[in-house]
Amino acid sequence: MLPEEKLDLILRRYAEISDRLAEGPDATAYVALSRELAEIEDVAGAIRDYRAALREIEDLKTLIADPSVDAEMRTLAEAEKAEAADRVTVLENQLRLALLPKDAADEKSAILEIRAGTGGDEAALFAGTLFRMYQRYAELRGWRVEIISASEGTMGGFKEVVAGISGRGVFARLKFESGTHRVQRVPETETQGRIHTSAATVAVLPEAEDVDIAINEADLKIDTMRAQGAGGQHVNKTESAIRITHIPTNTIVFVQDERSQHKNRARAMGLLRAKLYDAERQKLDAERAADRRSQVGSGDRSERIRTYNFPQGRVTDHRINLTLYKLDKVITGDALDEVIDPLITHHQASLLAAGEK
């Protein structure tokens, strides 16, 4: 049974917020109320749809029980009642999912970090392959990708690449991508056709806003320096690269992608804020053992989560024992949803099961 008191409470709160917004509150209150309304709007709609379907069934029962109704009308009502009952089942399941505890970061944009692991040049090439997969996936969903910092491999790809992915719900779609990704393929430099195994680690951090994490300027050590690597003649002349150290946590970020020191500083602060916010979230998750059990995998970024086997055209996600023989479409981002959707469904099922205990 659904918690009817909780449903009533949500609908009352939705009405209260709507009324307060109609009164024209000050700017700060307006933003806070609008954000809360957006968070419960879908749930409120699901409750109304569910209860409307229940009322329809009761009306049809009344009609069927009325002795003055002729047999043909009663038969039609019986058929409509069966359809309404099926609809109630679907709406109830949707409502149960809507009532699941929300991750406050789900609607946020994200910071994507990919680092080449074991495997030398081939690992860097694989890191580049993964970055292009996520880049293409983001394009398909209308998100914006902007490289924050990158260190290219000697044969191509990336030793490390950090990018911001902007859009609604980015973190919700990509958060289960964190972990170690392994590739099995024949490198272009391999003359004897031997299959090599290499790896890259992926981290997806929710982009933090000022309201999410407060940073004291006194806790920061900011260094400027000349950019290194490719980038044109300005590299050796302009001290545009920025390194920021958050002294209390010894968290260090380094950005040199832009010519402008001001832009690099802004990007570095955004990256630092995301890292500190993520560290706080990880700490809270570790303290909530029940929540930790409900996650897909342990959340440990050293955990091997997926294998891309090129000779067999196979992608395997080890957390949910999912295997797809469409590597070509997954690696271009076109079929990545076929991996992500089952991960989200598994997570939701775990939360539902935990809530029923």
Protein backbone atom coordinates (compact mmCIF):
# COMPACT_ATOMS: atom_id res chain seq x y z
CA MET A 1 0.00 0.00 0.00
CA LEU A 2 1.14 3.53 -0.73
CA PRO A 3 1.54 5.91 2.24
CA GLU A 4 -1.64 7.99 1.80
CA GLU A 5 -0.68 10.47 4.56
CA LYS A 6 2.61 11.16 2.80
CA LEU A 7 0.76 11.67 -0.51
CA ASP A 8 -1.60 14.15 1.17
CA LEU A 9 1.36 15.99 2.67
CA ILE A 10 3.08 16.34 -0.72
CA LEU A 11 -0.07 17.70 -2.37
CA ARG A 12 -0.62 20.19 0.48
CA ARG A 13 2.98 21.37 0.24
CA TYR A 14 2.67 21.75 -3.54
CA ALA A 15 -0.44 23.92 -3.07
CA GLU A 16 1.28 25.99 -0.35
CA ILE A 17 4.31 26.71 -2.54
CA SER A 18 2.12 27.59 -5.52
CA ASP A 19 0.13 30.03 -3.39
CA ARG A 20 3.29 31.67 -1.97
CA LEU A 21 4.80 32.07 -5.44
CA ALA A 22 1.57 33.70 -6.62
CA GLU A 23 1.93 36.27 -3.80
CA GLY A 24 5.25 37.47 -5.28
CA PRO A 25 7.90 36.77 -2.59
CA ASP A 26 11.34 38.42 -2.59
CA ALA A 27 13.99 37.17 -5.01
CA THR A 28 15.77 34.84 -2.55
CA ALA A 29 12.53 33.19 -1.40
CA TYR A 30 11.32 32.97 -5.00
CA VAL A 31 14.40 31.01 -6.07
CA ALA A 32 14.18 28.64 -3.09
CA LEU A 33 10.45 28.05 -3.53
CA SER A 34 10.76 27.56 -7.29
CA ARG A 35 13.49 24.97 -6.76
CA GLU A 36 11.37 23.08 -4.20
CA LEU A 37 8.33 23.22 -6.48
CA ALA A 38 10.36 21.77 -9.37
CA GLU A 39 11.53 18.93 -7.09
CA ILE A 40 8.00 17.81 -6.15
CA GLU A 41 6.11 18.77 -9.31
CA ASP A 42 6.49 15.37 -10.98
CA VAL A 43 5.53 13.54 -7.77
CA ALA A 44 2.45 15.73 -7.28
CA GLY A 45 1.39 15.04 -10.87
CA ALA A 46 1.88 11.28 -10.39
CA ILE A 47 -0.25 11.38 -7.22
CA ARG A 48 -3.07 13.21 -9.00
CA ASP A 49 -3.00 10.77 -11.94
CA TYR A 50 -2.99 7.76 -9.58
CA ARG A 51 -5.90 9.04 -7.51
CA ALA A 52 -7.91 10.02 -10.60
CA ALA A 53 -7.58 6.43 -11.85
CA LEU A 54 -8.76 5.11 -8.46
CA ARG A 55 -11.79 7.44 -8.56
CA GLU A 56 -12.59 6.23 -12.07
CA ILE A 57 -12.68 2.64 -10.83
CA GLU A 58 -15.00 3.57 -7.94
CA ASP A 59 -17.33 5.41 -10.34
CA LEU A 60 -17.40 2.38 -12.64
CA LYS A 61 -18.13 0.06 -9.71
CA THR A 62 -21.06 2.28 -8.75
CA LEU A 63 -22.31 2.21 -12.33
CA ILE A 64 -22.03 -1.59 -12.54
CA ALA A 65 -23.88 -2.03 -9.22
CA ASP A 66 -26.77 0.20 -10.33
CA PRO A 67 -29.73 -2.10 -11.14
CA SER A 68 -31.18 0.48 -13.53
CA VAL A 69 -28.16 0.18 -15.88
CA ASP A 70 -28.81 -2.13 -18.85
CA ALA A 71 -26.68 -5.22 -19.56
CA GLU A 72 -24.81 -3.70 -22.55
CA MET A 73 -23.76 -0.63 -20.56
CA ARG A 74 -22.70 -2.85 -17.64
CA THR A 75 -20.52 -4.95 -19.98
CA LEU A 76 -18.82 -1.83 -21.33
CA ALA A 77 -18.25 -0.58 -17.78
CA GLU A 78 -16.68 -3.91 -16.78
CA ALA A 79 -14.23 -3.63 -19.69
CA GLU A 80 -13.38 -0.04 -18.76
CA LYS A 81 -12.89 -1.08 -15.12
CA ALA A 82 -10.37 -3.75 -16.17
CA GLU A 83 -8.46 -1.19 -18.25
CA ALA A 84 -8.53 1.30 -15.36
CA ALA A 85 -7.23 -1.37 -12.97
CA ASP A 86 -4.29 -2.03 -15.31
CA ARG A 87 -3.65 1.71 -15.47
CA VAL A 88 -3.70 1.97 -11.67
CA THR A 89 -1.03 -0.75 -11.45
CA VAL A 90 1.21 1.13 -13.87
CA LEU A 91 0.60 4.48 -12.15
CA GLU A 92 1.24 2.96 -8.72
CA ASN A 93 4.62 1.61 -9.86
CA GLN A 94 5.51 4.99 -11.38
CA LEU A 95 4.50 6.71 -8.15
CA ARG A 96 6.60 4.34 -6.04
CA LEU A 97 9.62 5.28 -8.16
CA ALA A 98 8.78 8.98 -7.90
CA LEU A 99 8.65 8.67 -4.10
CA LEU A 100 12.13 7.16 -3.84
CA PRO A 101 14.69 9.31 -1.99
CA LYS A 102 16.18 11.77 -4.44
CA ASP A 103 19.88 12.35 -4.84
CA ALA A 104 20.16 16.12 -4.42
CA ALA A 105 22.83 16.18 -7.12
CA ASP A 106 20.87 14.30 -9.80
CA GLU A 107 19.73 17.36 -11.72
CA LYS A 108 23.16 18.98 -11.70
CA SER A 109 25.75 19.30 -14.43
CA ALA A 110 28.90 17.24 -13.90
CA ILE A 111 32.68 17.20 -14.04
CA LEU A 112 34.04 14.23 -16.00
CA GLU A 113 37.57 13.04 -15.26
CA ILE A 114 39.24 10.29 -17.30
CA ARG A 115 42.76 9.06 -16.55
CA ALA A 116 44.81 6.47 -18.40
CA GLY A 117 45.67 3.51 -16.17
CA THR A 118 47.75 0.43 -16.80
CA GLY A 119 48.71 -0.15 -20.41
CA GLY A 120 50.99 2.74 -21.41
CA ASP A 121 50.23 4.34 -24.80
CA GLU A 122 47.30 2.00 -25.39
CA ALA A 123 45.72 3.12 -22.09
CA ALA A 124 46.00 6.75 -23.20
CA LEU A 125 44.39 5.88 -26.53
CA PHE A 126 41.58 4.09 -24.67
CA ALA A 127 41.09 7.13 -22.41
CA GLY A 128 40.63 9.15 -25.62
CA THR A 129 38.12 6.59 -26.89
CA LEU A 130 36.11 6.87 -23.67
CA PHE A 131 36.17 10.66 -23.78
CA ARG A 132 34.84 10.68 -27.35
CA MET A 133 32.11 8.21 -26.29
CA TYR A 134 30.90 10.54 -23.53
CA GLN A 135 31.33 13.58 -25.75
CA ARG A 136 29.15 12.04 -28.45
CA TYR A 137 26.60 10.86 -25.87
CA ALA A 138 26.40 14.39 -24.48
CA GLU A 139 25.83 15.80 -27.97
CA LEU A 140 22.97 13.34 -28.55
CA ARG A 141 21.29 14.56 -25.34
CA GLY A 142 21.84 18.24 -26.09
CA TRP A 143 24.42 18.77 -23.35
CA ARG A 144 27.45 21.04 -23.65
CA VAL A 145 30.98 19.65 -23.20
CA GLU A 146 33.90 21.92 -22.37
CA ILE A 147 37.42 20.66 -21.70
CA ILE A 148 38.79 22.08 -18.44
CA SER A 149 42.26 20.54 -18.65
CA ALA A 150 43.95 17.85 -20.71
CA SER A 151 47.29 16.06 -20.95
CA GLU A 152 47.68 14.27 -24.26
CA GLY A 153 49.36 10.90 -24.70
CA THR A 154 52.51 10.54 -26.80
CA MET A 155 50.67 8.39 -29.38
CA GLY A 156 47.34 10.23 -29.09
CA GLY A 157 44.45 10.02 -26.66
CA PHE A 158 44.86 11.40 -23.15
CA LYS A 159 46.96 10.68 -20.13
CA GLU A 160 44.32 12.71 -18.34
CA VAL A 161 41.35 14.80 -19.42
CA VAL A 162 38.90 16.79 -17.29
CA ALA A 163 35.74 18.25 -18.83
CA GLY A 164 32.60 19.99 -17.70
CA ILE A 165 29.32 18.59 -19.04
CA SER A 166 26.48 21.10 -18.70
CA GLY A 167 22.79 20.29 -18.91
CA ARG A 168 19.84 19.17 -16.85
CA GLY A 169 20.16 15.76 -15.24
CA VAL A 170 23.73 15.09 -16.41
CA PHE A 171 24.86 13.66 -13.08
CA ALA A 172 21.81 11.37 -12.81
CA ARG A 173 22.68 9.78 -16.17
CA LEU A 174 26.44 9.54 -15.73
CA LYS A 175 27.04 8.96 -12.02
CA PHE A 176 27.29 5.18 -12.37
CA GLU A 177 30.11 5.55 -14.91
CA SER A 178 32.65 6.14 -12.12
CA GLY A 179 35.13 3.29 -11.81
CA THR A 180 37.76 1.41 -13.79
CA HIS A 181 36.98 0.68 -17.44
CA ARG A 182 38.99 -2.09 -19.10
CA VAL A 183 39.63 -2.60 -22.81
CA GLN A 184 40.75 -5.70 -24.69
CA ARG A 185 41.86 -5.05 -28.25
CA VAL A 186 44.74 -5.30 -30.72
CA PRO A 187 46.67 -1.99 -30.66
CA GLU A 188 47.52 -0.36 -33.98
CA THR A 189 51.20 -0.68 -33.06
CA GLU A 190 50.90 -4.45 -32.48
CA THR A 191 52.55 -6.29 -35.42
CA GLN A 192 51.71 -9.85 -34.34
CA GLY A 193 47.99 -9.33 -33.78
CA ARG A 194 48.11 -9.97 -30.04
CA ILE A 195 45.27 -8.72 -27.87
CA HIS A 196 46.35 -6.26 -25.17
CA THR A 197 44.47 -5.36 -22.02
CA SER A 198 44.64 -1.83 -20.65
CA ALA A 199 42.50 0.36 -18.45
CA ALA A 200 41.34 3.88 -17.69
CA THR A 201 39.60 5.28 -14.64
CA VAL A 202 36.52 7.48 -14.87
CA ALA A 203 35.21 9.80 -12.18
CA VAL A 204 31.96 11.75 -12.49
CA LEU A 205 31.52 14.55 -9.95
CA PRO A 206 28.40 16.68 -9.52
CA GLU A 207 29.09 20.31 -10.33
CA ALA A 208 28.79 22.26 -7.10
CA GLU A 209 27.27 25.71 -6.66
CA ASP A 210 28.20 28.30 -4.05
CA VAL A 211 25.21 27.21 -1.97
CA ASP A 212 26.44 23.59 -1.98
CA ILE A 213 29.93 24.15 -0.63
CA ALA A 214 31.42 27.19 1.06
CA ILE A 215 35.13 27.87 0.45
CA ASN A 216 37.09 30.22 2.66
CA GLU A 217 39.58 32.23 0.59
CA ALA A 218 41.99 32.10 3.53
CA ASP A 219 42.15 28.31 3.08
CA LEU A 220 43.48 28.62 -0.47
CA LYS A 221 47.02 28.75 -1.80
CA ILE A 222 46.94 30.05 -5.38
CA ASP A 223 49.98 29.76 -7.64
CA THR A 224 50.35 31.14 -11.17
CA MET A 225 52.84 29.70 -13.62
CA ARG A 226 53.58 29.34 -17.29
CA ALA A 227 51.51 26.78 -19.14
CA GLN A 228 53.25 23.64 -20.30
CA GLY A 229 52.96 21.66 -23.51
CA ALA A 230 51.29 22.53 -26.78
CA GLY A 231 49.44 25.80 -27.00
CA GLY A 232 51.27 28.25 -29.21
CA GLN A 233 53.83 30.97 -28.60
CA HIS A 234 51.98 32.41 -25.60
CA VAL A 235 52.82 29.30 -23.57
CA ASN A 236 56.32 30.46 -22.62
CA LYS A 237 55.44 34.12 -22.21
CA THR A 238 52.26 34.25 -20.14
CA GLU A 239 51.81 32.99 -16.61
CA SER A 240 48.21 31.95 -17.26
CA ALA A 241 48.24 28.49 -15.65
CA ILE A 242 46.62 28.29 -12.22
CA ARG A 243 47.21 25.83 -9.40
CA ILE A 244 44.95 26.06 -6.35
CA THR A 245 45.60 24.13 -3.15
CA HIS A 246 42.84 23.79 -0.57
CA ILE A 247 45.04 23.70 2.52
CA PRO A 248 42.66 21.96 5.03
CA THR A 249 42.12 18.96 2.74
CA ASN A 250 45.31 19.21 0.62
CA THR A 251 43.11 19.08 -2.49
CA ILE A 252 45.00 20.40 -5.52
CA VAL A 253 43.60 21.44 -8.91
CA PHE A 254 45.55 22.67 -11.91
CA VAL A 255 44.13 24.38 -15.02
CA GLN A 256 46.09 25.76 -17.97
CA ASP A 257 43.68 25.35 -20.87
CA GLU A 258 42.81 29.03 -21.43
CA ARG A 259 45.17 31.90 -22.30
CA SER A 260 43.38 34.04 -19.75
CA GLN A 261 44.54 33.70 -16.15
CA HIS A 262 41.12 34.94 -15.03
CA LYS A 263 39.30 32.20 -16.98
CA ASN A 264 41.68 29.52 -15.73
CA ARG A 265 41.15 30.67 -12.16
CA ALA A 266 37.35 30.52 -12.57
CA ARG A 267 37.60 27.01 -14.01
CA ALA A 268 39.98 25.90 -11.27
CA MET A 269 37.61 27.18 -8.57
CA GLY A 270 34.72 25.32 -10.20
CA LEU A 271 36.77 22.13 -10.28
CA LEU A 272 37.88 22.57 -6.67
CA ARG A 273 34.31 23.19 -5.54
CA ALA A 274 33.17 20.00 -7.31
CA LYS A 275 35.96 17.94 -5.71
CA LEU A 276 35.20 19.21 -2.20
CA TYR A 277 31.46 18.69 -2.71
CA ASP A 278 32.10 15.16 -3.98
CA ALA A 279 34.37 14.39 -1.01
CA GLU A 280 31.61 15.51 1.36
CA ARG A 281 29.07 13.34 -0.46
CA GLN A 282 31.44 10.33 -0.33
CA LYS A 283 31.88 10.86 3.40
CA LEU A 284 28.13 10.95 3.98
CA ASP A 285 27.64 7.85 1.81
CA ALA A 286 30.26 5.97 3.80
CA GLU A 287 28.41 6.86 7.00
CA ARG A 288 25.11 5.56 5.64
CA ALA A 289 25.69 1.81 5.40
CA ALA A 290 22.16 1.09 4.20
CA ASP A 291 22.51 3.56 1.34
CA ARG A 292 25.90 2.12 0.45
CA ARG A 293 24.35 -1.35 0.04
CA SER A 294 21.70 0.07 -2.28
CA GLN A 295 24.20 1.57 -4.71
CA VAL A 296 25.28 -0.06 -7.96
CA GLY A 297 28.72 -1.31 -6.99
CA SER A 298 30.69 -0.02 -4.05
CA GLY A 299 31.29 3.44 -5.49
CA ASP A 300 35.02 2.79 -5.17
CA ARG A 301 36.68 4.31 -8.22
CA SER A 302 39.29 1.56 -8.25
CA GLU A 303 36.51 -1.00 -8.81
CA ARG A 304 36.50 -2.58 -12.28
CA ILE A 305 33.03 -1.87 -13.58
CA ARG A 306 33.09 -2.54 -17.33
CA THR A 307 35.04 -4.37 -20.03
CA TYR A 308 35.09 -3.42 -23.72
CA ASN A 309 36.17 -6.47 -25.77
CA PHE A 310 36.83 -5.34 -29.35
CA PRO A 311 37.62 -8.75 -30.95
CA GLN A 312 34.22 -10.06 -29.79
CA GLY A 313 32.36 -6.74 -30.20
CA ARG A 314 31.24 -7.15 -26.61
CA VAL A 315 30.58 -4.77 -23.70
CA THR A 316 30.14 -6.26 -20.22
CA ASP A 317 29.09 -4.34 -17.13
CA HIS A 318 30.27 -6.49 -14.24
CA ARG A 319 28.05 -4.89 -11.58
CA ILE A 320 24.79 -6.14 -13.07
CA ASN A 321 26.16 -8.95 -15.29
CA LEU A 322 24.98 -7.16 -18.41
CA THR A 323 26.53 -8.13 -21.75
CA LEU A 324 25.76 -6.42 -25.07
CA TYR A 325 27.18 -7.47 -28.44
CA LYS A 326 27.02 -3.99 -29.90
CA LEU A 327 30.35 -2.48 -28.89
CA ASP A 328 30.52 -0.35 -32.04
CA LYS A 329 27.32 1.50 -31.10
CA VAL A 330 28.11 1.77 -27.38
CA ILE A 331 31.58 3.19 -27.99
CA THR A 332 30.15 5.91 -30.26
CA GLY A 333 27.61 6.85 -27.59
CA ASP A 334 24.64 5.81 -29.72
CA ALA A 335 23.79 2.77 -27.56
CA LEU A 336 25.25 3.90 -24.24
CA ASP A 337 21.72 4.31 -22.87
CA GLU A 338 21.33 0.53 -23.22
CA VAL A 339 23.98 0.22 -20.50
CA ILE A 340 22.98 3.22 -18.40
CA ASP A 341 19.22 2.49 -18.25
CA PRO A 342 19.64 -1.02 -16.71
CA LEU A 343 22.06 0.43 -14.14
CA ILE A 344 19.49 3.06 -13.11
CA THR A 345 16.70 0.45 -13.03
CA HIS A 346 18.84 -1.85 -10.85
CA HIS A 347 19.55 1.04 -8.48
CA GLN A 348 15.85 1.93 -8.24
CA ALA A 349 14.90 -1.71 -7.63
CA SER A 350 17.47 -1.89 -4.83
CA LEU A 351 16.03 1.24 -3.22
CA LEU A 352 12.48 -0.13 -3.50
CA ALA A 353 13.54 -3.44 -1.96
CA ALA A 354 15.32 -1.64 0.88
CA GLY A 355 12.23 0.47 1.54
CA GLU A 356 9.98 -2.59 1.78
CA LYS A 357 12.11 -4.28 4.46
